[in-house]
Amino acid sequence: MKKIFHLANCDTCQRIIKEINPGSDVELQNIKDQNISAEELDWIKDKVGSYEALFSKRAMKYRSMGLNEMKLSEQDYRKYMLEEYTFLKRPFMINGDEVFVGNAKKVVEQAVASFNK
């Protein structure tokens, strides 16, 4: 599977997609229009080790909902990400068995190298 979960109106996501320059074999999914499925989220979690690693604590709703003051379990992270796309750390980039999460410079460099093999 070659897929990039992104937010269409996010300049950072768009910059990263432009850097990757995905071919026609890469599916782009705007998570605002179609959130990630439970199966896809679970698959990615298995690759990276935890739901917390996929969860964006920078989301505005994280503080406004008081989640920053709660002790969240792995199942809580999963539930919130499936309910609300803003809690997904983005972008999620999948190239076969390789998964890249977020927009850290090193992650983006690895994703670009992987997609351009």
N, C-alpha and C. Protein backbone atom coordinates (compact mmCIF):
# COMPACT_ATOMS: atom_id res chain seq x y z
N MET A 1 0.84 -1.18 0.00
CA MET A 1 0.00 0.00 0.00
C MET A 1 0.88 1.23 0.00
N LYS A 2 0.51 2.18 -0.82
CA LYS A 2 1.18 3.48 -0.85
C LYS A 2 0.09 4.52 -0.64
N LYS A 3 0.18 5.19 0.51
CA LYS A 3 -0.91 6.11 0.86
C LYS A 3 -0.38 7.22 1.75
N ILE A 4 -0.95 8.41 1.57
CA ILE A 4 -0.61 9.54 2.43
C ILE A 4 -1.91 10.10 2.99
N PHE A 5 -2.01 10.08 4.31
CA PHE A 5 -3.14 10.70 5.00
C PHE A 5 -2.70 12.12 5.34
N HIS A 6 -3.45 13.09 4.88
CA HIS A 6 -3.05 14.48 5.04
C HIS A 6 -4.27 15.36 5.27
N LEU A 7 -4.02 16.62 5.51
CA LEU A 7 -5.07 17.62 5.61
C LEU A 7 -4.87 18.58 4.45
N ALA A 8 -5.87 18.66 3.59
CA ALA A 8 -5.73 19.42 2.35
C ALA A 8 -5.44 20.90 2.57
N ASN A 9 -5.95 21.48 3.64
CA ASN A 9 -5.73 22.91 3.87
C ASN A 9 -4.54 23.19 4.79
N CYS A 10 -3.71 22.19 5.02
CA CYS A 10 -2.52 22.35 5.86
C CYS A 10 -1.31 22.61 4.96
N ASP A 11 -0.72 23.78 5.10
CA ASP A 11 0.44 24.14 4.28
C ASP A 11 1.60 23.18 4.47
N THR A 12 1.80 22.73 5.70
CA THR A 12 2.90 21.79 5.98
C THR A 12 2.68 20.47 5.25
N CYS A 13 1.46 19.94 5.33
CA CYS A 13 1.15 18.69 4.61
C CYS A 13 1.38 18.86 3.12
N GLN A 14 0.92 19.98 2.58
CA GLN A 14 1.06 20.21 1.14
C GLN A 14 2.53 20.34 0.74
N ARG A 15 3.34 20.98 1.59
CA ARG A 15 4.78 21.10 1.31
C ARG A 15 5.43 19.71 1.30
N ILE A 16 5.06 18.88 2.26
CA ILE A 16 5.64 17.53 2.35
C ILE A 16 5.23 16.69 1.15
N ILE A 17 3.97 16.77 0.77
CA ILE A 17 3.50 16.02 -0.41
C ILE A 17 4.28 16.47 -1.65
N LYS A 18 4.52 17.76 -1.76
CA LYS A 18 5.27 18.29 -2.91
C LYS A 18 6.71 17.75 -2.89
N GLU A 19 7.30 17.66 -1.69
CA GLU A 19 8.67 17.12 -1.56
C GLU A 19 8.71 15.64 -1.95
N ILE A 20 7.70 14.89 -1.52
CA ILE A 20 7.65 13.46 -1.84
C ILE A 20 7.38 13.26 -3.32
N ASN A 21 6.59 14.15 -3.91
CA ASN A 21 6.22 14.05 -5.32
C ASN A 21 5.67 12.65 -5.64
N PRO A 22 4.56 12.30 -4.97
CA PRO A 22 4.04 10.93 -5.13
C PRO A 22 3.56 10.65 -6.55
N GLY A 23 3.80 9.42 -6.99
CA GLY A 23 3.34 9.00 -8.30
C GLY A 23 1.85 8.70 -8.27
N SER A 24 1.34 8.30 -9.41
CA SER A 24 -0.08 7.99 -9.53
C SER A 24 -0.46 6.74 -8.75
N ASP A 25 0.53 5.97 -8.31
CA ASP A 25 0.26 4.77 -7.52
C ASP A 25 0.09 5.05 -6.03
N VAL A 26 0.22 6.32 -5.64
CA VAL A 26 0.08 6.72 -4.23
C VAL A 26 -1.29 7.35 -4.03
N GLU A 27 -2.05 6.79 -3.09
CA GLU A 27 -3.37 7.33 -2.78
C GLU A 27 -3.23 8.46 -1.76
N LEU A 28 -3.87 9.58 -2.05
CA LEU A 28 -3.89 10.71 -1.12
C LEU A 28 -5.26 10.77 -0.48
N GLN A 29 -5.30 10.76 0.85
CA GLN A 29 -6.58 10.81 1.55
C GLN A 29 -6.63 12.02 2.46
N ASN A 30 -7.54 12.94 2.16
CA ASN A 30 -7.75 14.12 2.98
C ASN A 30 -8.55 13.69 4.21
N ILE A 31 -7.94 13.74 5.39
CA ILE A 31 -8.58 13.21 6.59
C ILE A 31 -9.76 14.06 7.05
N LYS A 32 -9.87 15.28 6.56
CA LYS A 32 -11.03 16.10 6.91
C LYS A 32 -12.27 15.58 6.18
N ASP A 33 -12.09 15.14 4.96
CA ASP A 33 -13.20 14.59 4.17
C ASP A 33 -13.51 13.14 4.54
N GLN A 34 -12.46 12.38 4.81
CA GLN A 34 -12.62 10.97 5.15
C GLN A 34 -11.56 10.61 6.18
N ASN A 35 -11.99 10.52 7.43
CA ASN A 35 -11.05 10.20 8.50
C ASN A 35 -10.47 8.80 8.29
N ILE A 36 -9.36 8.55 8.93
CA ILE A 36 -8.72 7.25 8.86
C ILE A 36 -9.67 6.18 9.43
N SER A 37 -9.62 4.99 8.87
CA SER A 37 -10.47 3.91 9.38
C SER A 37 -9.81 3.26 10.59
N ALA A 38 -10.60 2.56 11.37
CA ALA A 38 -10.07 1.85 12.54
C ALA A 38 -9.02 0.84 12.12
N GLU A 39 -9.27 0.14 11.03
CA GLU A 39 -8.32 -0.87 10.56
C GLU A 39 -6.99 -0.25 10.16
N GLU A 40 -7.05 0.88 9.44
CA GLU A 40 -5.82 1.55 9.03
C GLU A 40 -5.06 2.09 10.25
N LEU A 41 -5.79 2.68 11.18
CA LEU A 41 -5.16 3.22 12.38
C LEU A 41 -4.49 2.11 13.18
N ASP A 42 -5.17 0.99 13.32
CA ASP A 42 -4.61 -0.15 14.06
C ASP A 42 -3.36 -0.69 13.37
N TRP A 43 -3.39 -0.76 12.04
CA TRP A 43 -2.24 -1.25 11.27
C TRP A 43 -1.03 -0.34 11.48
N ILE A 44 -1.27 0.98 11.40
CA ILE A 44 -0.18 1.94 11.59
C ILE A 44 0.35 1.86 13.02
N LYS A 45 -0.55 1.73 13.98
CA LYS A 45 -0.14 1.61 15.39
C LYS A 45 0.77 0.42 15.58
N ASP A 46 0.45 -0.70 14.92
CA ASP A 46 1.30 -1.89 15.03
C ASP A 46 2.69 -1.62 14.48
N LYS A 47 2.79 -0.77 13.50
CA LYS A 47 4.10 -0.44 12.91
C LYS A 47 4.91 0.50 13.80
N VAL A 48 4.24 1.46 14.46
CA VAL A 48 4.98 2.46 15.25
C VAL A 48 5.01 2.16 16.74
N GLY A 49 4.15 1.26 17.21
CA GLY A 49 4.24 0.82 18.60
C GLY A 49 3.19 1.34 19.56
N SER A 50 2.57 2.48 19.29
CA SER A 50 1.56 2.99 20.22
C SER A 50 0.64 3.97 19.53
N TYR A 51 -0.55 4.11 20.08
CA TYR A 51 -1.48 5.12 19.58
C TYR A 51 -1.01 6.51 19.99
N GLU A 52 -0.39 6.60 21.15
CA GLU A 52 0.08 7.90 21.61
C GLU A 52 1.07 8.52 20.61
N ALA A 53 1.89 7.68 19.97
CA ALA A 53 2.85 8.18 18.99
C ALA A 53 2.16 8.77 17.76
N LEU A 54 0.90 8.43 17.56
CA LEU A 54 0.13 8.92 16.41
C LEU A 54 -0.75 10.10 16.75
N PHE A 55 -0.83 10.42 18.02
CA PHE A 55 -1.76 11.41 18.54
C PHE A 55 -1.12 12.79 18.59
N SER A 56 -1.83 13.79 18.08
CA SER A 56 -1.31 15.15 18.09
C SER A 56 -1.77 15.89 19.35
N LYS A 57 -0.82 16.16 20.22
CA LYS A 57 -1.12 16.93 21.42
C LYS A 57 -1.08 18.42 21.13
N ARG A 58 -0.83 18.78 19.88
CA ARG A 58 -0.84 20.17 19.46
C ARG A 58 -2.22 20.62 18.98
N ALA A 59 -3.11 19.66 18.81
CA ALA A 59 -4.47 19.98 18.35
C ALA A 59 -5.14 20.94 19.34
N MET A 60 -5.83 21.94 18.81
CA MET A 60 -6.49 22.92 19.67
C MET A 60 -7.50 22.25 20.61
N LYS A 61 -8.17 21.22 20.14
CA LYS A 61 -9.17 20.54 20.96
C LYS A 61 -8.54 19.78 22.12
N TYR A 62 -7.27 19.46 22.03
CA TYR A 62 -6.59 18.73 23.10
C TYR A 62 -6.68 19.52 24.41
N ARG A 63 -6.44 20.81 24.34
CA ARG A 63 -6.52 21.65 25.53
C ARG A 63 -7.96 22.07 25.82
N SER A 64 -8.70 22.43 24.79
CA SER A 64 -10.06 22.92 25.02
C SER A 64 -10.97 21.84 25.62
N MET A 65 -10.70 20.58 25.33
CA MET A 65 -11.48 19.48 25.91
C MET A 65 -10.92 19.02 27.25
N GLY A 66 -9.81 19.63 27.68
CA GLY A 66 -9.20 19.27 28.96
C GLY A 66 -8.44 17.96 28.93
N LEU A 67 -8.14 17.46 27.73
CA LEU A 67 -7.44 16.18 27.63
C LEU A 67 -6.01 16.28 28.17
N ASN A 68 -5.45 17.49 28.11
CA ASN A 68 -4.09 17.69 28.61
C ASN A 68 -4.02 17.51 30.13
N GLU A 69 -5.15 17.55 30.81
CA GLU A 69 -5.17 17.37 32.26
C GLU A 69 -5.58 15.96 32.66
N MET A 70 -5.81 15.10 31.69
CA MET A 70 -6.25 13.73 31.95
C MET A 70 -5.12 12.75 31.67
N LYS A 71 -5.18 11.61 32.32
CA LYS A 71 -4.25 10.51 32.03
C LYS A 71 -4.94 9.64 30.99
N LEU A 72 -4.52 9.76 29.74
CA LEU A 72 -5.16 9.03 28.64
C LEU A 72 -4.52 7.66 28.45
N SER A 73 -5.36 6.67 28.22
CA SER A 73 -4.88 5.31 27.93
C SER A 73 -4.69 5.17 26.43
N GLU A 74 -4.09 4.08 26.02
CA GLU A 74 -3.94 3.80 24.59
C GLU A 74 -5.31 3.76 23.91
N GLN A 75 -6.30 3.17 24.57
CA GLN A 75 -7.64 3.10 23.99
C GLN A 75 -8.28 4.48 23.90
N ASP A 76 -7.97 5.37 24.84
CA ASP A 76 -8.47 6.75 24.76
C ASP A 76 -7.89 7.45 23.53
N TYR A 77 -6.57 7.31 23.34
CA TYR A 77 -5.94 7.93 22.17
C TYR A 77 -6.61 7.42 20.89
N ARG A 78 -6.80 6.12 20.80
CA ARG A 78 -7.44 5.51 19.62
C ARG A 78 -8.83 6.08 19.41
N LYS A 79 -9.62 6.11 20.47
CA LYS A 79 -11.00 6.59 20.38
C LYS A 79 -11.05 8.03 19.88
N TYR A 80 -10.23 8.91 20.46
CA TYR A 80 -10.26 10.32 20.06
C TYR A 80 -9.81 10.52 18.61
N MET A 81 -8.81 9.76 18.18
CA MET A 81 -8.36 9.90 16.79
C MET A 81 -9.42 9.43 15.80
N LEU A 82 -10.15 8.39 16.15
CA LEU A 82 -11.20 7.90 15.25
C LEU A 82 -12.41 8.83 15.25
N GLU A 83 -12.64 9.53 16.34
CA GLU A 83 -13.77 10.46 16.43
C GLU A 83 -13.48 11.80 15.78
N GLU A 84 -12.23 12.25 15.83
CA GLU A 84 -11.89 13.60 15.41
C GLU A 84 -10.54 13.62 14.69
N TYR A 85 -10.56 13.96 13.42
CA TYR A 85 -9.34 13.94 12.60
C TYR A 85 -8.25 14.87 13.13
N THR A 86 -8.63 15.93 13.85
CA THR A 86 -7.62 16.89 14.30
C THR A 86 -6.63 16.28 15.29
N PHE A 87 -6.99 15.13 15.87
CA PHE A 87 -6.08 14.49 16.83
C PHE A 87 -5.03 13.62 16.15
N LEU A 88 -5.09 13.48 14.85
CA LEU A 88 -4.08 12.70 14.13
C LEU A 88 -2.84 13.55 13.90
N LYS A 89 -1.70 13.03 14.29
CA LYS A 89 -0.44 13.69 13.97
C LYS A 89 -0.27 13.53 12.47
N ARG A 90 -0.03 14.58 11.75
CA ARG A 90 -0.05 14.44 10.31
C ARG A 90 1.20 15.03 9.66
N PRO A 91 1.46 14.54 8.47
CA PRO A 91 0.77 13.48 7.74
C PRO A 91 1.22 12.09 8.18
N PHE A 92 0.40 11.09 7.83
CA PHE A 92 0.78 9.67 7.93
C PHE A 92 1.14 9.27 6.52
N MET A 93 2.32 8.70 6.33
CA MET A 93 2.76 8.30 5.00
C MET A 93 3.11 6.82 5.03
N ILE A 94 2.50 6.06 4.15
CA ILE A 94 2.73 4.61 4.10
C ILE A 94 3.30 4.26 2.73
N ASN A 95 4.43 3.58 2.74
CA ASN A 95 5.03 3.09 1.52
C ASN A 95 5.37 1.62 1.75
N GLY A 96 4.45 0.74 1.34
CA GLY A 96 4.63 -0.68 1.60
C GLY A 96 4.54 -0.96 3.09
N ASP A 97 5.63 -1.50 3.65
CA ASP A 97 5.66 -1.78 5.09
C ASP A 97 6.28 -0.65 5.90
N GLU A 98 6.70 0.41 5.22
CA GLU A 98 7.30 1.55 5.92
C GLU A 98 6.22 2.57 6.25
N VAL A 99 6.30 3.11 7.46
CA VAL A 99 5.33 4.11 7.92
C VAL A 99 6.10 5.31 8.45
N PHE A 100 5.67 6.48 8.05
CA PHE A 100 6.28 7.73 8.49
C PHE A 100 5.18 8.61 9.05
N VAL A 101 5.38 9.11 10.27
CA VAL A 101 4.34 9.87 10.94
C VAL A 101 4.86 11.23 11.36
N GLY A 102 4.13 12.26 10.95
CA GLY A 102 4.45 13.61 11.39
C GLY A 102 5.28 14.38 10.40
N ASN A 103 5.69 15.57 10.83
CA ASN A 103 6.38 16.48 9.92
C ASN A 103 7.78 16.87 10.40
N ALA A 104 8.34 16.09 11.32
CA ALA A 104 9.72 16.36 11.74
C ALA A 104 10.65 16.23 10.55
N LYS A 105 11.67 17.06 10.50
CA LYS A 105 12.57 17.10 9.36
C LYS A 105 13.13 15.72 9.01
N LYS A 106 13.58 14.98 10.01
CA LYS A 106 14.17 13.66 9.78
C LYS A 106 13.12 12.69 9.21
N VAL A 107 11.90 12.73 9.73
CA VAL A 107 10.82 11.87 9.25
C VAL A 107 10.52 12.17 7.79
N VAL A 108 10.44 13.44 7.46
CA VAL A 108 10.15 13.84 6.08
C VAL A 108 11.28 13.40 5.15
N GLU A 109 12.53 13.56 5.57
CA GLU A 109 13.67 13.13 4.75
C GLU A 109 13.60 11.63 4.49
N GLN A 110 13.26 10.85 5.53
CA GLN A 110 13.14 9.40 5.36
C GLN A 110 11.99 9.04 4.41
N ALA A 111 10.88 9.74 4.53
CA ALA A 111 9.73 9.49 3.66
C ALA A 111 10.06 9.82 2.22
N VAL A 112 10.70 10.95 1.99
CA VAL A 112 11.08 11.34 0.63
C VAL A 112 12.00 10.30 0.03
N ALA A 113 13.00 9.85 0.79
CA ALA A 113 13.92 8.82 0.30
C ALA A 113 13.18 7.53 -0.02
N SER A 114 12.25 7.13 0.83
CA SER A 114 11.51 5.89 0.63
C SER A 114 10.64 5.96 -0.62
N PHE A 115 9.91 7.03 -0.77
CA PHE A 115 8.99 7.16 -1.91
C PHE A 115 9.72 7.38 -3.24
N ASN A 116 10.98 7.78 -3.16
CA ASN A 116 11.74 8.06 -4.39
C ASN A 116 12.78 6.99 -4.70
N LYS A 117 12.62 5.78 -4.14
CA LYS A 117 13.53 4.69 -4.43
C LYS A 117 13.35 4.23 -5.84
